[in-house]
N, C-alpha and C. Protein backbone atom coordinates (compact mmCIF):
# COMPACT_ATOMS: atom_id res chain seq x y z
N MET A 1 70.75 108.41 52.80
CA MET A 1 69.51 108.35 52.50
C MET A 1 68.63 107.49 53.68
N LYS A 2 67.39 108.06 54.38
CA LYS A 2 67.27 107.50 55.42
C LYS A 2 66.34 106.25 55.16
N LYS A 3 66.48 105.17 56.04
CA LYS A 3 65.94 104.15 56.04
C LYS A 3 64.54 103.96 56.68
N ILE A 4 63.82 103.61 56.44
CA ILE A 4 62.32 103.24 57.23
C ILE A 4 62.08 101.67 57.15
N LEU A 5 61.76 100.84 58.27
CA LEU A 5 61.30 99.71 58.45
C LEU A 5 59.88 99.89 58.40
N LEU A 6 58.93 99.24 57.42
CA LEU A 6 57.81 99.28 57.39
C LEU A 6 56.82 97.77 57.90
N VAL A 7 56.64 97.46 59.25
CA VAL A 7 56.12 96.36 59.44
C VAL A 7 54.69 96.27 59.59
N GLU A 8 54.14 95.91 58.37
CA GLU A 8 52.72 95.98 57.87
C GLU A 8 52.10 94.63 57.44
N ASP A 9 51.05 93.85 57.76
CA ASP A 9 50.89 92.56 57.25
C ASP A 9 49.82 92.89 55.92
N ASP A 10 49.01 93.86 56.30
CA ASP A 10 48.18 94.69 54.93
C ASP A 10 49.13 94.68 53.74
N SER A 11 48.97 93.93 53.06
CA SER A 11 49.68 93.94 51.67
C SER A 11 49.17 95.46 50.97
N GLU A 12 48.35 95.49 50.73
CA GLU A 12 47.72 96.82 50.26
C GLU A 12 48.31 97.92 50.64
N TYR A 13 48.12 98.05 52.05
CA TYR A 13 48.38 99.64 52.47
C TYR A 13 50.11 99.43 52.75
N ARG A 14 50.70 98.37 52.68
CA ARG A 14 52.01 98.43 52.99
C ARG A 14 52.69 98.85 51.54
N THR A 15 52.06 98.30 50.87
CA THR A 15 52.71 98.82 49.14
C THR A 15 52.50 100.50 48.78
N LEU A 16 51.28 100.81 49.54
CA LEU A 16 50.66 102.17 48.71
C LEU A 16 51.80 102.79 49.56
N LEU A 17 51.78 102.91 50.90
CA LEU A 17 52.75 103.73 51.85
C LEU A 17 53.90 103.87 51.42
N SER A 18 54.56 102.18 51.09
CA SER A 18 56.03 102.33 50.64
C SER A 18 56.18 103.24 49.43
N LYS A 19 55.45 102.88 48.58
CA LYS A 19 55.56 103.53 47.11
C LYS A 19 55.60 105.08 47.71
N LYS A 20 54.69 105.45 48.38
CA LYS A 20 54.61 107.05 48.86
C LYS A 20 55.90 107.62 49.33
N LEU A 21 56.39 106.79 50.13
CA LEU A 21 57.76 107.07 51.19
C LEU A 21 58.72 107.24 49.95
N LYS A 22 58.80 106.05 49.39
CA LYS A 22 59.96 106.08 48.37
C LYS A 22 60.23 107.27 47.13
N THR A 23 58.79 108.09 46.94
CA THR A 23 58.81 109.05 46.11
C THR A 23 59.65 110.28 46.88
N LEU A 24 59.25 110.27 48.12
CA LEU A 24 59.82 111.27 49.03
C LEU A 24 61.61 111.19 49.34
N GLY A 25 62.09 110.10 49.02
CA GLY A 25 63.40 109.83 48.88
C GLY A 25 63.93 108.98 50.29
N TYR A 26 62.94 107.90 50.66
CA TYR A 26 63.54 107.13 51.75
C TYR A 26 63.41 106.06 50.95
N PHE A 27 64.59 104.87 51.83
CA PHE A 27 64.67 103.64 51.46
C PHE A 27 63.65 102.68 52.56
N ILE A 28 62.86 102.15 51.77
CA ILE A 28 61.98 101.53 52.62
C ILE A 28 62.22 99.92 52.32
N TYR A 29 62.12 99.03 53.73
CA TYR A 29 62.33 98.30 53.96
C TYR A 29 61.14 97.41 54.34
N GLU A 30 60.26 96.56 53.68
CA GLU A 30 58.78 96.15 53.90
C GLU A 30 59.13 94.64 54.53
N ALA A 31 58.26 94.69 55.71
CA ALA A 31 57.85 93.28 56.30
C ALA A 31 56.49 93.10 56.79
N LYS A 32 56.22 92.03 56.51
CA LYS A 32 54.73 91.38 56.52
C LYS A 32 54.42 91.02 57.73
N SER A 33 55.44 90.58 58.33
CA SER A 33 55.22 90.17 59.91
C SER A 33 56.35 90.64 60.89
N GLY A 34 55.89 90.74 62.07
CA GLY A 34 56.92 91.08 63.04
C GLY A 34 58.09 90.27 63.14
N GLN A 35 58.13 89.15 62.60
CA GLN A 35 59.37 88.08 62.63
C GLN A 35 60.25 88.45 61.46
N GLU A 36 59.40 89.12 60.56
CA GLU A 36 60.30 89.35 59.33
C GLU A 36 60.96 90.77 59.45
N GLY A 37 60.33 91.68 60.40
CA GLY A 37 60.85 92.98 60.65
C GLY A 37 62.11 92.75 61.68
N LEU A 38 62.12 92.00 62.43
CA LEU A 38 63.31 91.44 63.50
C LEU A 38 64.36 91.05 62.58
N GLN A 39 64.51 90.48 61.27
CA GLN A 39 65.47 90.10 60.59
C GLN A 39 66.26 91.64 59.75
N TYR A 40 65.13 92.25 59.76
CA TYR A 40 65.83 93.56 59.31
C TYR A 40 66.67 93.92 60.01
N LEU A 41 66.11 94.00 61.18
CA LEU A 41 66.80 94.62 62.49
C LEU A 41 68.52 94.45 62.82
N LYS A 42 68.39 92.90 62.71
CA LYS A 42 69.59 91.98 62.74
C LYS A 42 70.75 92.78 62.00
N SER A 43 70.31 92.90 60.55
CA SER A 43 71.30 93.13 59.44
C SER A 43 71.20 94.65 58.98
N SER A 44 70.59 95.20 59.44
CA SER A 44 70.40 96.69 58.80
C SER A 44 70.22 97.71 60.07
N VAL A 45 70.73 99.02 59.69
CA VAL A 45 70.80 100.30 60.51
C VAL A 45 69.21 100.96 59.87
N ILE A 46 68.41 101.05 60.82
CA ILE A 46 67.02 101.73 60.57
C ILE A 46 66.96 102.90 61.13
N ASP A 47 66.55 103.73 60.60
CA ASP A 47 66.34 105.53 61.04
C ASP A 47 64.79 105.41 62.09
N LEU A 48 63.71 104.84 61.19
CA LEU A 48 62.43 104.54 61.68
C LEU A 48 61.81 103.64 61.59
N ILE A 49 61.07 102.95 62.49
CA ILE A 49 60.27 101.87 62.31
C ILE A 49 58.63 102.29 62.41
N LEU A 50 57.79 102.08 61.01
CA LEU A 50 56.80 102.02 61.53
C LEU A 50 55.91 100.75 61.60
N LEU A 51 55.52 100.61 62.76
CA LEU A 51 54.87 99.26 63.20
C LEU A 51 53.22 99.01 63.60
N ASP A 52 52.46 98.26 62.78
CA ASP A 52 51.34 97.71 63.00
C ASP A 52 51.12 97.30 64.27
N LEU A 53 50.08 97.31 64.96
CA LEU A 53 50.11 96.26 66.09
C LEU A 53 49.61 95.03 66.02
N VAL A 54 48.38 94.73 64.99
CA VAL A 54 47.57 93.56 64.88
C VAL A 54 48.17 92.46 63.62
N MET A 55 48.99 91.79 63.86
CA MET A 55 49.26 91.17 62.75
C MET A 55 49.54 89.74 63.20
N LEU A 56 49.40 88.71 62.01
CA LEU A 56 49.26 87.32 62.63
C LEU A 56 50.30 86.15 63.17
N LYS A 57 51.38 86.22 62.36
CA LYS A 57 52.54 85.81 62.83
C LYS A 57 53.15 86.19 64.38
N MET A 58 53.55 87.41 63.93
CA MET A 58 54.08 87.99 65.17
C MET A 58 53.48 89.46 65.41
N ASP A 59 52.60 89.79 66.33
CA ASP A 59 52.23 91.28 66.64
C ASP A 59 53.03 92.33 67.23
N GLY A 60 52.49 93.45 66.92
CA GLY A 60 53.68 94.60 67.11
C GLY A 60 54.18 94.37 68.65
N LEU A 61 53.26 94.01 69.76
CA LEU A 61 53.58 94.27 70.82
C LEU A 61 54.65 93.34 71.20
N LYS A 62 54.60 91.97 70.45
CA LYS A 62 55.60 90.92 70.74
C LYS A 62 56.78 91.53 69.80
N PHE A 63 56.49 92.02 68.73
CA PHE A 63 57.69 92.40 68.37
C PHE A 63 58.66 93.74 69.00
N TYR A 64 57.75 94.81 69.61
CA TYR A 64 58.58 95.85 70.49
C TYR A 64 59.20 94.79 71.76
N GLN A 65 58.82 94.16 72.32
CA GLN A 65 59.51 92.98 73.45
C GLN A 65 61.22 92.66 72.72
N PHE A 66 60.86 91.79 71.60
CA PHE A 66 61.95 91.48 70.95
C PHE A 66 62.95 92.67 70.59
N TYR A 67 62.26 93.53 69.90
CA TYR A 67 62.84 94.58 69.72
C TYR A 67 64.13 95.26 70.91
N LYS A 68 63.37 95.62 71.93
CA LYS A 68 63.93 96.00 72.86
C LYS A 68 65.13 95.36 73.45
N LYS A 69 65.19 93.80 73.29
CA LYS A 69 66.31 93.05 73.71
C LYS A 69 67.42 93.06 72.42
N ILE A 70 67.16 93.01 71.36
CA ILE A 70 68.18 92.78 70.23
C ILE A 70 68.50 94.30 69.56
N SER A 71 67.94 95.36 69.62
CA SER A 71 68.15 96.68 69.14
C SER A 71 69.09 97.19 69.67
N GLN A 72 70.49 97.59 69.07
CA GLN A 72 71.61 98.56 69.80
C GLN A 72 71.46 99.53 69.49
N ASN A 73 70.90 100.32 68.62
CA ASN A 73 70.58 101.68 68.44
C ASN A 73 69.50 102.52 69.09
N LYS A 74 68.27 101.56 68.96
CA LYS A 74 67.17 101.83 69.82
C LYS A 74 66.32 103.15 68.84
N THR A 75 66.10 102.58 67.65
CA THR A 75 65.60 103.44 66.49
C THR A 75 64.14 103.71 67.24
N PRO A 76 63.57 105.27 66.77
CA PRO A 76 62.20 105.50 67.29
C PRO A 76 60.85 104.63 66.37
N ILE A 77 59.72 104.16 67.07
CA ILE A 77 58.92 103.44 66.42
C ILE A 77 57.63 104.37 66.53
N LEU A 78 56.96 104.69 65.52
CA LEU A 78 55.59 105.10 65.48
C LEU A 78 54.52 103.99 65.02
N ILE A 79 53.70 103.82 66.09
CA ILE A 79 52.86 102.73 65.87
C ILE A 79 51.67 103.31 64.52
N LEU A 80 51.58 102.32 63.78
CA LEU A 80 50.24 102.46 62.93
C LEU A 80 49.51 101.46 62.78
N SER A 81 48.07 101.90 63.17
CA SER A 81 47.07 100.77 63.56
C SER A 81 45.68 101.14 63.68
N ASN A 82 44.65 100.01 62.95
CA ASN A 82 43.45 100.66 63.01
C ASN A 82 42.65 100.53 64.38
N ILE A 83 43.56 100.11 65.31
CA ILE A 83 42.84 99.28 66.84
C ILE A 83 42.97 100.89 67.64
N VAL A 84 41.72 101.07 68.16
CA VAL A 84 42.10 101.77 69.39
C VAL A 84 41.80 101.06 70.42
N LEU A 85 43.08 101.45 71.16
CA LEU A 85 43.41 100.23 72.33
C LEU A 85 42.96 101.25 73.45
N SER A 86 42.25 100.47 74.47
CA SER A 86 41.74 100.87 75.61
C SER A 86 43.07 102.01 76.59
N ASP A 87 44.27 101.05 76.11
CA ASP A 87 45.62 101.37 76.84
C ASP A 87 46.44 102.04 76.22
N LYS A 88 46.11 102.78 74.76
CA LYS A 88 46.79 103.56 73.90
C LYS A 88 47.81 104.83 74.26
N ASP A 89 47.14 105.24 75.17
CA ASP A 89 48.51 106.05 76.09
C ASP A 89 49.69 105.65 76.73
N LYS A 90 49.12 104.56 77.43
CA LYS A 90 50.04 103.57 78.00
C LYS A 90 50.87 103.11 77.07
N ILE A 91 50.57 102.57 75.86
CA ILE A 91 51.39 102.39 74.77
C ILE A 91 52.50 103.08 74.34
N SER A 92 51.34 104.26 73.76
CA SER A 92 52.30 105.80 73.39
C SER A 92 53.30 105.80 74.39
N LYS A 93 53.60 105.68 75.63
CA LYS A 93 54.42 106.41 76.31
C LYS A 93 55.92 105.43 76.57
N LYS A 94 55.58 103.94 75.97
CA LYS A 94 56.70 103.34 76.37
C LYS A 94 58.12 103.61 75.49
N LYS A 95 59.11 103.34 76.05
CA LYS A 95 60.38 103.68 75.54
C LYS A 95 60.24 103.48 73.98
N TYR A 96 60.93 104.44 73.31
CA TYR A 96 61.33 104.69 71.83
C TYR A 96 59.85 104.62 71.15
N ILE A 97 58.62 104.46 71.82
CA ILE A 97 57.57 104.36 70.85
C ILE A 97 57.17 106.41 71.06
N VAL A 98 57.36 106.61 69.76
CA VAL A 98 57.14 108.41 69.81
C VAL A 98 55.67 108.86 69.12
N ASP A 99 54.98 107.77 68.45
CA ASP A 99 53.56 108.47 68.41
C ASP A 99 52.95 107.07 68.05
N TYR A 100 51.64 107.17 68.26
CA TYR A 100 50.46 106.03 68.09
C TYR A 100 49.31 106.69 66.85
N ILE A 101 49.42 106.41 65.72
CA ILE A 101 48.23 106.75 64.73
C ILE A 101 47.52 105.69 64.34
N ILE A 102 46.06 106.09 64.07
CA ILE A 102 45.00 105.60 64.18
C ILE A 102 44.95 105.95 61.97
N LYS A 103 45.53 104.41 61.63
CA LYS A 103 45.56 104.40 60.22
C LYS A 103 44.24 105.24 59.66
N SER A 104 43.00 104.75 59.99
CA SER A 104 41.67 105.32 59.44
C SER A 104 41.40 106.74 59.44
N ASN A 105 42.19 107.33 60.63
CA ASN A 105 42.39 108.41 60.81
C ASN A 105 42.80 109.51 59.90
N ILE A 106 43.92 109.23 59.41
CA ILE A 106 44.62 109.75 58.39
C ILE A 106 45.05 109.70 57.34
N ASN A 107 45.10 110.48 56.40
CA ASN A 107 45.59 110.07 54.72
C ASN A 107 47.02 110.28 54.44
N LEU A 108 47.43 109.66 53.55
CA LEU A 108 48.62 109.50 53.41
C LEU A 108 49.43 110.77 53.19
N ASP A 109 49.07 111.77 52.83
CA ASP A 109 49.92 113.00 52.75
C ASP A 109 50.17 113.49 54.29
N SER A 110 49.07 113.36 54.98
CA SER A 110 49.59 113.81 56.57
C SER A 110 50.02 112.83 57.54
N LEU A 111 50.03 111.56 56.98
CA LEU A 111 51.09 110.59 57.39
C LEU A 111 52.11 110.92 57.51
N THR A 112 52.47 111.29 56.01
CA THR A 112 54.38 111.18 55.64
C THR A 112 54.71 112.77 56.36
N GLU A 113 53.67 113.72 56.48
CA GLU A 113 53.98 115.08 57.07
C GLU A 113 54.62 114.42 58.72
N ARG A 114 54.07 113.79 59.36
CA ARG A 114 54.09 113.40 60.68
C ARG A 114 55.44 112.41 60.78
N ILE A 115 55.58 111.51 59.47
CA ILE A 115 56.77 110.77 59.83
C ILE A 115 57.96 111.77 59.51
N LYS A 116 57.79 112.76 58.72
CA LYS A 116 59.08 113.42 58.40
C LYS A 116 59.39 114.12 59.70
N THR A 117 58.80 114.24 60.56
CA THR A 117 59.17 115.15 62.09
C THR A 117 59.84 114.01 62.85
N PHE A 118 59.97 112.74 62.60
CA PHE A 118 60.62 112.16 63.67
C PHE A 118 61.70 111.37 62.92
N ILE A 119 62.07 111.62 61.41
CA ILE A 119 62.92 111.03 60.82
C ILE A 119 63.89 112.46 60.36
N ASN A 120 63.58 113.45 59.93
CA ASN A 120 64.73 114.55 59.42
C ASN A 120 65.68 115.26 60.48
């Protein structure tokens, strides 16, 4: 079973996406902050990381900086954000980041199809 780490502080969105991915047969680790997400990386083998950028305790970019230091297997990261950054292209070209998706521009079915391309 493929394992996905979902790092998302919006509990409603996190729950909705997690339920959808579970119905497709994925095991989902849910983290509500970057700090919590890093704990899963220390103790679990993850196949894909879904990472929000804007979070209070530790944002996605700070998570990414720590991730590069601690991760042994360099799991691919899919950025999920509602923020259109001026340097979006720059972020999406960072090592291990496979895509940058604006959450409000994609429905759950399309998002899960996109996720499948990075995990199967």
